[in-house]
Amino acid sequence: MKILQVKSSVFNGSGQSSRLAEEFVALLREQHPDAKLIQRDLVADPVPHLDGARAGAFFAKPEERSAEQRAVIAYSDTLIDELRGADVLVLGLPMYNFGVPSQLKAWFDHIARAGVTFKYTEKGAVGLLTGKKAYVFAARGGIYGDNDSQTQFVRQFLGFIGITDVEFVYAEGLAISPESRNNSLIAAQAQSLRLAAQTRLAA
């Protein structure tokens, strides 16, 4: 098993989404001692936000790219190769102002490449990174459920590039009260244990 863990909390390892993801990865590695882990921390090592120059590199014909554009593509290829080589994606997802962290959006923008991670057909877009399992650990101060815009966006994006087998683990109400925070984290950890056990049975 190859695991790609992506962190996007501005609080790094102390963020609840990062902690839950770390605990789950540890459980997976207990079940699969030979698993290879790659960690991508989007706060400690931020992906550049998309601008005109970077977008131009993506749209330019390969034979017409400048040296600077080739460097942009090489960087994007590195991020894509990490994801392409993974069997499991573990994503820490804090909610900031009802959306995803801008650092995570920048990562999305660099791995969504026509002809590389998806392709357009007469029947619409088809994702090319199939056969993967994703676990998303969503931490929220309030309570939003599983039909909010953040969840829908992440699910839609992952499906767009071919990752349709996605499990969400929610830790909600973390800012409401100490009791709410404690109960939610306990429930999220219990769900993590069940999901990790399922990977052992599947293996």
N, C-alpha and C. Protein backbone atom coordinates (compact mmCIF):
# COMPACT_ATOMS: atom_id res chain seq x y z
N MET A 1 0.84 -1.19 0.00
CA MET A 1 0.00 0.00 0.00
C MET A 1 0.87 1.25 0.00
N LYS A 2 0.48 2.22 -0.81
CA LYS A 2 1.14 3.52 -0.83
C LYS A 2 0.13 4.58 -0.39
N ILE A 3 0.50 5.37 0.59
CA ILE A 3 -0.39 6.35 1.19
C ILE A 3 0.16 7.75 0.92
N LEU A 4 -0.71 8.64 0.44
CA LEU A 4 -0.37 10.05 0.33
C LEU A 4 -1.21 10.80 1.35
N GLN A 5 -0.55 11.45 2.30
CA GLN A 5 -1.24 12.25 3.31
C GLN A 5 -1.03 13.72 2.98
N VAL A 6 -2.12 14.45 2.85
CA VAL A 6 -2.07 15.87 2.52
C VAL A 6 -2.61 16.67 3.69
N LYS A 7 -1.78 17.59 4.20
CA LYS A 7 -2.17 18.45 5.31
C LYS A 7 -2.44 19.86 4.80
N SER A 8 -3.52 20.49 5.30
CA SER A 8 -3.83 21.84 4.84
C SER A 8 -4.20 22.79 5.97
N SER A 9 -4.03 22.35 7.22
CA SER A 9 -4.36 23.20 8.36
C SER A 9 -3.27 24.25 8.57
N VAL A 10 -3.69 25.50 8.78
CA VAL A 10 -2.71 26.57 9.06
C VAL A 10 -2.06 26.37 10.42
N PHE A 11 -2.62 25.49 11.25
CA PHE A 11 -2.05 25.19 12.56
C PHE A 11 -1.13 23.98 12.50
N ASN A 12 -0.81 23.55 11.28
CA ASN A 12 0.11 22.43 11.07
C ASN A 12 -0.34 21.21 11.86
N GLY A 13 0.57 20.58 12.58
CA GLY A 13 0.24 19.34 13.28
C GLY A 13 -0.72 19.50 14.43
N SER A 14 -0.93 20.73 14.91
CA SER A 14 -1.83 20.93 16.04
C SER A 14 -3.28 21.12 15.62
N GLY A 15 -3.54 21.27 14.34
CA GLY A 15 -4.92 21.37 13.86
C GLY A 15 -5.65 20.05 14.00
N GLN A 16 -6.93 20.10 14.31
CA GLN A 16 -7.67 18.87 14.55
C GLN A 16 -7.78 18.00 13.30
N SER A 17 -7.90 18.60 12.13
CA SER A 17 -7.95 17.80 10.91
C SER A 17 -6.64 17.04 10.72
N SER A 18 -5.52 17.72 11.03
CA SER A 18 -4.21 17.08 10.90
C SER A 18 -4.05 15.96 11.92
N ARG A 19 -4.50 16.21 13.15
CA ARG A 19 -4.37 15.19 14.19
C ARG A 19 -5.18 13.94 13.85
N LEU A 20 -6.41 14.15 13.41
CA LEU A 20 -7.24 13.00 13.06
C LEU A 20 -6.64 12.22 11.89
N ALA A 21 -6.14 12.94 10.89
CA ALA A 21 -5.51 12.29 9.75
C ALA A 21 -4.26 11.52 10.18
N GLU A 22 -3.46 12.13 11.06
CA GLU A 22 -2.24 11.46 11.56
C GLU A 22 -2.59 10.18 12.29
N GLU A 23 -3.63 10.23 13.14
CA GLU A 23 -4.04 9.04 13.88
C GLU A 23 -4.51 7.94 12.94
N PHE A 24 -5.24 8.34 11.89
CA PHE A 24 -5.73 7.35 10.94
C PHE A 24 -4.58 6.71 10.15
N VAL A 25 -3.63 7.53 9.73
CA VAL A 25 -2.47 7.01 9.01
C VAL A 25 -1.71 6.02 9.90
N ALA A 26 -1.58 6.34 11.18
CA ALA A 26 -0.90 5.43 12.11
C ALA A 26 -1.65 4.10 12.19
N LEU A 27 -2.98 4.16 12.21
CA LEU A 27 -3.78 2.93 12.24
C LEU A 27 -3.58 2.13 10.96
N LEU A 28 -3.57 2.81 9.81
CA LEU A 28 -3.35 2.12 8.55
C LEU A 28 -2.00 1.42 8.53
N ARG A 29 -0.99 2.09 9.05
CA ARG A 29 0.35 1.52 9.02
C ARG A 29 0.50 0.37 10.01
N GLU A 30 -0.32 0.36 11.04
CA GLU A 30 -0.35 -0.81 11.93
C GLU A 30 -0.92 -2.01 11.18
N GLN A 31 -1.96 -1.75 10.38
CA GLN A 31 -2.57 -2.83 9.60
C GLN A 31 -1.69 -3.25 8.43
N HIS A 32 -0.91 -2.31 7.92
CA HIS A 32 -0.08 -2.56 6.73
C HIS A 32 1.34 -2.06 7.03
N PRO A 33 2.13 -2.84 7.76
CA PRO A 33 3.47 -2.39 8.18
C PRO A 33 4.40 -2.04 7.03
N ASP A 34 4.17 -2.60 5.87
CA ASP A 34 5.04 -2.33 4.72
C ASP A 34 4.56 -1.15 3.88
N ALA A 35 3.52 -0.47 4.33
CA ALA A 35 2.97 0.65 3.56
C ALA A 35 3.99 1.77 3.44
N LYS A 36 4.04 2.37 2.28
CA LYS A 36 4.91 3.52 2.03
C LYS A 36 4.09 4.79 2.20
N LEU A 37 4.63 5.74 2.97
CA LEU A 37 3.91 6.97 3.26
C LEU A 37 4.64 8.18 2.68
N ILE A 38 3.89 9.01 1.95
CA ILE A 38 4.38 10.30 1.50
C ILE A 38 3.49 11.37 2.12
N GLN A 39 4.10 12.36 2.75
CA GLN A 39 3.36 13.45 3.36
C GLN A 39 3.60 14.74 2.59
N ARG A 40 2.51 15.43 2.30
CA ARG A 40 2.59 16.71 1.61
C ARG A 40 1.92 17.76 2.51
N ASP A 41 2.73 18.61 3.13
CA ASP A 41 2.22 19.66 4.01
C ASP A 41 2.11 20.95 3.22
N LEU A 42 0.89 21.35 2.93
CA LEU A 42 0.66 22.49 2.05
C LEU A 42 0.84 23.84 2.75
N VAL A 43 1.03 23.82 4.07
CA VAL A 43 1.30 25.05 4.81
C VAL A 43 2.80 25.21 5.01
N ALA A 44 3.47 24.15 5.43
CA ALA A 44 4.92 24.21 5.61
C ALA A 44 5.63 24.36 4.28
N ASP A 45 5.08 23.75 3.24
CA ASP A 45 5.67 23.81 1.90
C ASP A 45 4.57 24.18 0.91
N PRO A 46 4.15 25.45 0.88
CA PRO A 46 2.97 25.84 0.12
C PRO A 46 3.13 25.71 -1.39
N VAL A 47 2.06 25.30 -2.03
CA VAL A 47 1.98 25.29 -3.49
C VAL A 47 1.65 26.71 -3.94
N PRO A 48 2.35 27.25 -4.92
CA PRO A 48 2.05 28.61 -5.38
C PRO A 48 0.60 28.73 -5.86
N HIS A 49 -0.03 29.84 -5.51
CA HIS A 49 -1.38 30.06 -5.99
C HIS A 49 -1.36 30.32 -7.49
N LEU A 50 -2.45 29.93 -8.12
CA LEU A 50 -2.54 30.07 -9.57
C LEU A 50 -2.57 31.54 -9.97
N ASP A 51 -1.77 31.88 -10.96
CA ASP A 51 -1.79 33.22 -11.54
C ASP A 51 -1.73 33.08 -13.06
N GLY A 52 -1.69 34.22 -13.74
CA GLY A 52 -1.70 34.18 -15.19
C GLY A 52 -0.53 33.43 -15.78
N ALA A 53 0.66 33.61 -15.20
CA ALA A 53 1.85 32.97 -15.73
C ALA A 53 1.78 31.45 -15.58
N ARG A 54 1.33 30.98 -14.42
CA ARG A 54 1.24 29.54 -14.19
C ARG A 54 0.14 28.92 -15.05
N ALA A 55 -1.00 29.61 -15.15
CA ALA A 55 -2.07 29.10 -16.00
C ALA A 55 -1.62 29.04 -17.45
N GLY A 56 -0.83 30.04 -17.87
CA GLY A 56 -0.32 30.04 -19.23
C GLY A 56 0.56 28.85 -19.52
N ALA A 57 1.31 28.41 -18.52
CA ALA A 57 2.16 27.23 -18.70
C ALA A 57 1.32 25.98 -18.93
N PHE A 58 0.20 25.88 -18.21
CA PHE A 58 -0.66 24.71 -18.36
C PHE A 58 -1.31 24.66 -19.75
N PHE A 59 -1.63 25.83 -20.30
CA PHE A 59 -2.34 25.87 -21.57
C PHE A 59 -1.41 25.90 -22.79
N ALA A 60 -0.15 26.22 -22.57
CA ALA A 60 0.79 26.29 -23.69
C ALA A 60 1.06 24.90 -24.26
N LYS A 61 1.31 24.83 -25.56
CA LYS A 61 1.69 23.57 -26.18
C LYS A 61 3.07 23.16 -25.67
N PRO A 62 3.28 21.88 -25.39
CA PRO A 62 4.55 21.44 -24.81
C PRO A 62 5.77 21.93 -25.58
N GLU A 63 5.72 21.89 -26.88
CA GLU A 63 6.88 22.28 -27.68
C GLU A 63 7.09 23.79 -27.70
N GLU A 64 6.13 24.54 -27.21
CA GLU A 64 6.23 26.00 -27.23
C GLU A 64 6.48 26.60 -25.85
N ARG A 65 6.62 25.77 -24.83
CA ARG A 65 6.80 26.28 -23.48
C ARG A 65 8.19 26.86 -23.28
N SER A 66 8.23 27.96 -22.53
CA SER A 66 9.51 28.56 -22.16
C SER A 66 10.14 27.76 -21.04
N ALA A 67 11.37 28.09 -20.68
CA ALA A 67 12.04 27.40 -19.58
C ALA A 67 11.26 27.57 -18.28
N GLU A 68 10.73 28.78 -18.06
CA GLU A 68 9.95 29.03 -16.86
C GLU A 68 8.67 28.20 -16.85
N GLN A 69 8.04 28.08 -18.01
CA GLN A 69 6.82 27.28 -18.11
C GLN A 69 7.11 25.80 -17.91
N ARG A 70 8.23 25.34 -18.42
CA ARG A 70 8.60 23.93 -18.22
C ARG A 70 8.83 23.64 -16.75
N ALA A 71 9.36 24.61 -16.02
CA ALA A 71 9.57 24.44 -14.58
C ALA A 71 8.23 24.33 -13.85
N VAL A 72 7.25 25.13 -14.27
CA VAL A 72 5.92 25.06 -13.68
C VAL A 72 5.32 23.68 -13.92
N ILE A 73 5.43 23.18 -15.13
CA ILE A 73 4.88 21.87 -15.47
C ILE A 73 5.59 20.76 -14.70
N ALA A 74 6.91 20.88 -14.56
CA ALA A 74 7.67 19.86 -13.82
C ALA A 74 7.21 19.81 -12.37
N TYR A 75 6.94 20.97 -11.78
CA TYR A 75 6.46 21.02 -10.40
C TYR A 75 5.08 20.39 -10.29
N SER A 76 4.20 20.74 -11.22
CA SER A 76 2.87 20.14 -11.25
C SER A 76 2.96 18.62 -11.43
N ASP A 77 3.85 18.18 -12.30
CA ASP A 77 4.04 16.74 -12.53
C ASP A 77 4.45 16.02 -11.25
N THR A 78 5.29 16.67 -10.44
CA THR A 78 5.72 16.07 -9.17
C THR A 78 4.53 15.84 -8.26
N LEU A 79 3.66 16.84 -8.13
CA LEU A 79 2.48 16.71 -7.29
C LEU A 79 1.55 15.61 -7.83
N ILE A 80 1.38 15.59 -9.14
CA ILE A 80 0.50 14.58 -9.75
C ILE A 80 1.08 13.19 -9.58
N ASP A 81 2.37 13.03 -9.75
CA ASP A 81 3.00 11.72 -9.61
C ASP A 81 2.84 11.17 -8.19
N GLU A 82 2.90 12.06 -7.18
CA GLU A 82 2.67 11.62 -5.80
C GLU A 82 1.27 11.03 -5.66
N LEU A 83 0.30 11.70 -6.25
CA LEU A 83 -1.08 11.23 -6.15
C LEU A 83 -1.31 10.01 -7.04
N ARG A 84 -0.77 10.02 -8.23
CA ARG A 84 -0.95 8.89 -9.15
C ARG A 84 -0.37 7.61 -8.53
N GLY A 85 0.74 7.72 -7.83
CA GLY A 85 1.38 6.54 -7.27
C GLY A 85 0.75 6.03 -5.99
N ALA A 86 -0.20 6.78 -5.43
CA ALA A 86 -0.80 6.40 -4.15
C ALA A 86 -2.01 5.50 -4.36
N ASP A 87 -2.16 4.53 -3.47
CA ASP A 87 -3.38 3.72 -3.44
C ASP A 87 -4.43 4.40 -2.57
N VAL A 88 -3.95 5.12 -1.54
CA VAL A 88 -4.84 5.76 -0.57
C VAL A 88 -4.45 7.22 -0.42
N LEU A 89 -5.45 8.10 -0.46
CA LEU A 89 -5.26 9.52 -0.18
C LEU A 89 -5.90 9.82 1.16
N VAL A 90 -5.13 10.41 2.08
CA VAL A 90 -5.65 10.83 3.38
C VAL A 90 -5.53 12.35 3.43
N LEU A 91 -6.69 13.00 3.48
CA LEU A 91 -6.73 14.46 3.36
C LEU A 91 -7.26 15.09 4.64
N GLY A 92 -6.46 15.96 5.24
CA GLY A 92 -6.92 16.76 6.38
C GLY A 92 -7.61 18.00 5.86
N LEU A 93 -8.86 18.22 6.28
CA LEU A 93 -9.68 19.28 5.69
C LEU A 93 -10.31 20.16 6.77
N PRO A 94 -9.65 21.23 7.18
CA PRO A 94 -10.32 22.19 8.06
C PRO A 94 -11.27 23.06 7.25
N MET A 95 -12.27 23.60 7.92
CA MET A 95 -13.19 24.53 7.25
C MET A 95 -12.82 25.96 7.63
N TYR A 96 -12.51 26.77 6.65
CA TYR A 96 -12.22 28.19 6.87
C TYR A 96 -13.25 29.02 6.11
N ASN A 97 -14.08 29.74 6.84
CA ASN A 97 -15.08 30.61 6.21
C ASN A 97 -15.91 29.85 5.18
N PHE A 98 -16.36 28.67 5.57
CA PHE A 98 -17.26 27.82 4.81
C PHE A 98 -16.60 27.13 3.61
N GLY A 99 -15.31 27.32 3.41
CA GLY A 99 -14.66 26.73 2.25
C GLY A 99 -13.42 25.94 2.62
N VAL A 100 -12.66 25.55 1.59
CA VAL A 100 -11.41 24.82 1.81
C VAL A 100 -10.28 25.84 2.00
N PRO A 101 -9.21 25.48 2.68
CA PRO A 101 -8.05 26.38 2.78
C PRO A 101 -7.53 26.75 1.40
N SER A 102 -7.08 27.97 1.25
CA SER A 102 -6.56 28.39 -0.06
C SER A 102 -5.35 27.56 -0.46
N GLN A 103 -4.60 27.07 0.53
CA GLN A 103 -3.44 26.22 0.22
C GLN A 103 -3.88 24.92 -0.46
N LEU A 104 -5.00 24.38 -0.01
CA LEU A 104 -5.52 23.16 -0.63
C LEU A 104 -6.05 23.45 -2.03
N LYS A 105 -6.72 24.58 -2.18
CA LYS A 105 -7.22 24.96 -3.51
C LYS A 105 -6.06 25.10 -4.49
N ALA A 106 -4.93 25.65 -4.04
CA ALA A 106 -3.76 25.77 -4.92
C ALA A 106 -3.27 24.39 -5.35
N TRP A 107 -3.28 23.44 -4.43
CA TRP A 107 -2.88 22.06 -4.77
C TRP A 107 -3.84 21.48 -5.80
N PHE A 108 -5.14 21.67 -5.57
CA PHE A 108 -6.13 21.22 -6.55
C PHE A 108 -5.84 21.81 -7.93
N ASP A 109 -5.54 23.11 -7.96
CA ASP A 109 -5.31 23.79 -9.24
C ASP A 109 -4.11 23.23 -9.99
N HIS A 110 -3.14 22.68 -9.26
CA HIS A 110 -1.93 22.14 -9.91
C HIS A 110 -2.06 20.68 -10.29
N ILE A 111 -3.08 19.99 -9.77
CA ILE A 111 -3.22 18.58 -10.14
C ILE A 111 -4.38 18.34 -11.09
N ALA A 112 -5.17 19.37 -11.37
CA ALA A 112 -6.24 19.23 -12.36
C ALA A 112 -5.69 19.65 -13.72
N ARG A 113 -5.23 18.69 -14.50
CA ARG A 113 -4.60 18.98 -15.79
C ARG A 113 -5.27 18.14 -16.88
N ALA A 114 -5.83 18.83 -17.85
CA ALA A 114 -6.49 18.15 -18.96
C ALA A 114 -5.48 17.27 -19.71
N GLY A 115 -5.88 16.04 -19.97
CA GLY A 115 -5.01 15.10 -20.65
C GLY A 115 -4.04 14.39 -19.73
N VAL A 116 -3.99 14.80 -18.48
CA VAL A 116 -3.07 14.19 -17.51
C VAL A 116 -3.85 13.53 -16.37
N THR A 117 -4.72 14.29 -15.71
CA THR A 117 -5.52 13.72 -14.62
C THR A 117 -7.00 13.63 -14.99
N PHE A 118 -7.39 14.24 -16.08
CA PHE A 118 -8.73 14.09 -16.62
C PHE A 118 -8.69 14.36 -18.12
N LYS A 119 -9.73 13.95 -18.81
CA LYS A 119 -9.81 14.24 -20.24
C LYS A 119 -11.25 14.58 -20.59
N TYR A 120 -11.40 15.37 -21.62
CA TYR A 120 -12.73 15.73 -22.11
C TYR A 120 -13.14 14.76 -23.21
N THR A 121 -14.38 14.32 -23.14
CA THR A 121 -14.94 13.44 -24.16
C THR A 121 -16.28 14.01 -24.60
N GLU A 122 -16.87 13.37 -25.60
CA GLU A 122 -18.18 13.82 -26.08
C GLU A 122 -19.25 13.68 -25.00
N LYS A 123 -19.00 12.81 -24.01
CA LYS A 123 -19.95 12.59 -22.93
C LYS A 123 -19.58 13.38 -21.67
N GLY A 124 -18.58 14.23 -21.79
CA GLY A 124 -18.17 15.02 -20.64
C GLY A 124 -16.78 14.65 -20.16
N ALA A 125 -16.38 15.24 -19.04
CA ALA A 125 -15.04 14.99 -18.49
C ALA A 125 -14.95 13.60 -17.88
N VAL A 126 -13.80 12.97 -18.03
CA VAL A 126 -13.54 11.64 -17.46
C VAL A 126 -12.26 11.71 -16.65
N GLY A 127 -12.33 11.33 -15.38
CA GLY A 127 -11.15 11.32 -14.52
C GLY A 127 -10.22 10.19 -14.86
N LEU A 128 -8.92 10.42 -14.74
CA LEU A 128 -7.90 9.43 -15.11
C LEU A 128 -7.18 8.81 -13.92
N LEU A 129 -7.40 9.35 -12.72
CA LEU A 129 -6.73 8.80 -11.53
C LEU A 129 -7.68 7.87 -10.79
N THR A 130 -8.03 6.78 -11.43
CA THR A 130 -9.02 5.85 -10.89
C THR A 130 -8.36 4.80 -10.00
N GLY A 131 -9.21 4.03 -9.32
CA GLY A 131 -8.73 2.91 -8.52
C GLY A 131 -8.12 3.30 -7.18
N LYS A 132 -8.45 4.46 -6.68
CA LYS A 132 -7.90 4.93 -5.41
C LYS A 132 -9.00 5.08 -4.37
N LYS A 133 -8.59 5.06 -3.11
CA LYS A 133 -9.49 5.29 -1.99
C LYS A 133 -9.07 6.57 -1.29
N ALA A 134 -10.03 7.43 -0.98
CA ALA A 134 -9.73 8.68 -0.29
C ALA A 134 -10.46 8.74 1.04
N TYR A 135 -9.76 9.21 2.06
CA TYR A 135 -10.33 9.45 3.37
C TYR A 135 -10.14 10.94 3.68
N VAL A 136 -11.23 11.62 3.95
CA VAL A 136 -11.18 13.06 4.19
C VAL A 136 -11.59 13.33 5.63
N PHE A 137 -10.70 13.96 6.39
CA PHE A 137 -10.95 14.26 7.80
C PHE A 137 -11.27 15.74 7.92
N ALA A 138 -12.58 16.01 8.08
CA ALA A 138 -13.08 17.37 8.05
C ALA A 138 -13.33 17.87 9.47
N ALA A 139 -12.66 18.95 9.84
CA ALA A 139 -12.81 19.56 11.17
C ALA A 139 -13.51 20.90 11.03
N ARG A 140 -14.56 21.10 11.83
CA ARG A 140 -15.36 22.33 11.74
C ARG A 140 -15.70 22.85 13.14
N GLY A 141 -15.72 24.17 13.27
CA GLY A 141 -16.12 24.76 14.54
C GLY A 141 -17.61 24.63 14.78
N GLY A 142 -18.42 24.73 13.73
CA GLY A 142 -19.86 24.59 13.83
C GLY A 142 -20.32 23.24 13.33
N ILE A 143 -21.63 23.11 13.13
CA ILE A 143 -22.22 21.85 12.67
C ILE A 143 -22.88 22.10 11.31
N TYR A 144 -22.43 21.38 10.30
CA TYR A 144 -22.90 21.60 8.93
C TYR A 144 -23.42 20.34 8.26
N GLY A 145 -23.11 19.16 8.80
CA GLY A 145 -23.55 17.93 8.17
C GLY A 145 -22.71 17.57 6.97
N ASP A 146 -23.24 16.66 6.15
CA ASP A 146 -22.45 16.15 5.03
C ASP A 146 -22.96 16.64 3.68
N ASN A 147 -23.84 17.64 3.69
CA ASN A 147 -24.36 18.15 2.43
C ASN A 147 -24.04 19.63 2.25
N ASP A 148 -22.96 20.07 2.89
CA ASP A 148 -22.57 21.46 2.81
C ASP A 148 -21.73 21.69 1.55
N SER A 149 -21.48 22.96 1.25
CA SER A 149 -20.76 23.30 0.02
C SER A 149 -19.32 22.80 0.02
N GLN A 150 -18.68 22.79 1.19
CA GLN A 150 -17.30 22.32 1.25
C GLN A 150 -17.20 20.85 0.89
N THR A 151 -18.06 20.04 1.51
CA THR A 151 -18.07 18.61 1.21
C THR A 151 -18.36 18.36 -0.26
N GLN A 152 -19.36 19.04 -0.79
CA GLN A 152 -19.74 18.83 -2.18
C GLN A 152 -18.60 19.22 -3.13
N PHE A 153 -17.91 20.31 -2.81
CA PHE A 153 -16.81 20.74 -3.67
C PHE A 153 -15.68 19.71 -3.68
N VAL A 154 -15.27 19.26 -2.49
CA VAL A 154 -14.17 18.29 -2.42
C VAL A 154 -14.56 16.98 -3.10
N ARG A 155 -15.77 16.52 -2.85
CA ARG A 155 -16.22 15.28 -3.49
C ARG A 155 -16.26 15.44 -5.01
N GLN A 156 -16.78 16.59 -5.46
CA GLN A 156 -16.87 16.83 -6.91
C GLN A 156 -15.48 16.90 -7.54
N PHE A 157 -14.55 17.59 -6.86
CA PHE A 157 -13.21 17.71 -7.43
C PHE A 157 -12.53 16.35 -7.52
N LEU A 158 -12.57 15.59 -6.43
CA LEU A 158 -11.92 14.28 -6.44
C LEU A 158 -12.54 13.38 -7.50
N GLY A 159 -13.87 13.43 -7.63
CA GLY A 159 -14.53 12.64 -8.66
C GLY A 159 -14.14 13.08 -10.06
N PHE A 160 -13.92 14.37 -10.22
CA PHE A 160 -13.55 14.92 -11.52
C PHE A 160 -12.24 14.33 -12.03
N ILE A 161 -11.30 14.05 -11.10
CA ILE A 161 -10.03 13.47 -11.53
C ILE A 161 -10.01 11.94 -11.39
N GLY A 162 -11.17 11.36 -11.04
CA GLY A 162 -11.29 9.91 -11.05
C GLY A 162 -11.35 9.23 -9.71
N ILE A 163 -11.29 10.00 -8.62
CA ILE A 163 -11.31 9.40 -7.28
C ILE A 163 -12.74 9.49 -6.75
N THR A 164 -13.48 8.42 -6.90
CA THR A 164 -14.89 8.41 -6.54
C THR A 164 -15.20 7.65 -5.26
N ASP A 165 -14.25 6.87 -4.78
CA ASP A 165 -14.43 6.11 -3.54
C ASP A 165 -13.90 6.96 -2.39
N VAL A 166 -14.77 7.77 -1.80
CA VAL A 166 -14.35 8.77 -0.82
C VAL A 166 -15.14 8.61 0.47
N GLU A 167 -14.43 8.52 1.59
CA GLU A 167 -15.05 8.46 2.92
C GLU A 167 -14.75 9.77 3.65
N PHE A 168 -15.79 10.40 4.19
CA PHE A 168 -15.62 11.61 5.00
C PHE A 168 -15.78 11.25 6.47
N VAL A 169 -14.87 11.76 7.28
CA VAL A 169 -14.96 11.64 8.73
C VAL A 169 -15.07 13.07 9.27
N TYR A 170 -16.17 13.35 9.98
CA TYR A 170 -16.43 14.72 10.43
C TYR A 170 -16.18 14.86 11.93
N ALA A 171 -15.49 15.93 12.28
CA ALA A 171 -15.38 16.38 13.67
C ALA A 171 -15.98 17.77 13.69
N GLU A 172 -17.25 17.86 14.12
CA GLU A 172 -17.98 19.13 14.03
C GLU A 172 -18.32 19.65 15.43
N GLY A 173 -18.70 20.92 15.47
CA GLY A 173 -19.08 21.53 16.74
C GLY A 173 -17.91 21.72 17.68
N LEU A 174 -16.71 21.82 17.12
CA LEU A 174 -15.51 21.90 17.96
C LEU A 174 -15.42 23.21 18.72
N ALA A 175 -16.10 24.25 18.24
CA ALA A 175 -16.05 25.55 18.91
C ALA A 175 -17.29 25.84 19.74
N ILE A 176 -18.23 24.91 19.78
CA ILE A 176 -19.49 25.17 20.49
C ILE A 176 -19.31 25.10 22.00
N SER A 177 -18.69 24.04 22.46
CA SER A 177 -18.46 23.85 23.90
C SER A 177 -17.43 22.76 24.09
N PRO A 178 -16.79 22.70 25.26
CA PRO A 178 -15.85 21.60 25.51
C PRO A 178 -16.50 20.23 25.37
N GLU A 179 -17.75 20.11 25.81
CA GLU A 179 -18.44 18.83 25.71
C GLU A 179 -18.69 18.45 24.26
N SER A 180 -19.15 19.43 23.47
CA SER A 180 -19.38 19.17 22.06
C SER A 180 -18.08 18.77 21.36
N ARG A 181 -17.02 19.47 21.66
CA ARG A 181 -15.71 19.18 21.07
C ARG A 181 -15.26 17.77 21.42
N ASN A 182 -15.36 17.42 22.69
CA ASN A 182 -14.90 16.12 23.15
C ASN A 182 -15.72 15.00 22.52
N ASN A 183 -17.03 15.14 22.53
CA ASN A 183 -17.90 14.09 21.97
C ASN A 183 -17.66 13.91 20.47
N SER A 184 -17.47 15.02 19.77
CA SER A 184 -17.26 14.93 18.32
C SER A 184 -15.94 14.26 17.98
N LEU A 185 -14.90 14.60 18.72
CA LEU A 185 -13.60 13.98 18.46
C LEU A 185 -13.62 12.49 18.79
N ILE A 186 -14.30 12.12 19.86
CA ILE A 186 -14.42 10.70 20.21
C ILE A 186 -15.14 9.94 19.10
N ALA A 187 -16.22 10.54 18.57
CA ALA A 187 -16.97 9.89 17.50
C ALA A 187 -16.13 9.76 16.23
N ALA A 188 -15.36 10.79 15.91
CA ALA A 188 -14.51 10.75 14.72
C ALA A 188 -13.42 9.68 14.87
N GLN A 189 -12.85 9.58 16.06
CA GLN A 189 -11.82 8.57 16.30
C GLN A 189 -12.39 7.16 16.21
N ALA A 190 -13.61 6.98 16.70
CA ALA A 190 -14.25 5.66 16.62
C ALA A 190 -14.51 5.29 15.16
N GLN A 191 -14.94 6.27 14.36
CA GLN A 191 -15.15 6.00 12.93
C GLN A 191 -13.83 5.65 12.25
N SER A 192 -12.77 6.33 12.63
CA SER A 192 -11.44 6.04 12.07
C SER A 192 -11.04 4.60 12.35
N LEU A 193 -11.28 4.14 13.56
CA LEU A 193 -10.95 2.77 13.91
C LEU A 193 -11.71 1.79 13.03
N ARG A 194 -13.00 2.06 12.80
CA ARG A 194 -13.80 1.17 11.96
C ARG A 194 -13.29 1.16 10.53
N LEU A 195 -12.94 2.33 10.01
CA LEU A 195 -12.46 2.40 8.63
C LEU A 195 -11.11 1.70 8.47
N ALA A 196 -10.23 1.88 9.45
CA ALA A 196 -8.93 1.21 9.39
C ALA A 196 -9.10 -0.30 9.43
N ALA A 197 -10.04 -0.79 10.25
CA ALA A 197 -10.30 -2.23 10.33
C ALA A 197 -10.82 -2.75 9.00
N GLN A 198 -11.62 -1.96 8.32
CA GLN A 198 -12.14 -2.36 7.02
C GLN A 198 -11.02 -2.51 5.99
N THR A 199 -10.01 -1.67 6.07
CA THR A 199 -8.89 -1.80 5.12
C THR A 199 -8.14 -3.10 5.37
N ARG A 200 -8.07 -3.53 6.63
CA ARG A 200 -7.40 -4.80 6.93
C ARG A 200 -8.20 -5.96 6.31
N LEU A 201 -9.55 -5.90 6.45
CA LEU A 201 -10.37 -6.96 5.88
C LEU A 201 -10.29 -6.97 4.36
N ALA A 202 -10.26 -5.75 3.77
CA ALA A 202 -10.19 -5.66 2.33
C ALA A 202 -8.87 -6.20 1.80
N ALA A 203 -7.79 -5.97 2.58
CA ALA A 203 -6.47 -6.46 2.14
C ALA A 203 -6.45 -7.98 2.16
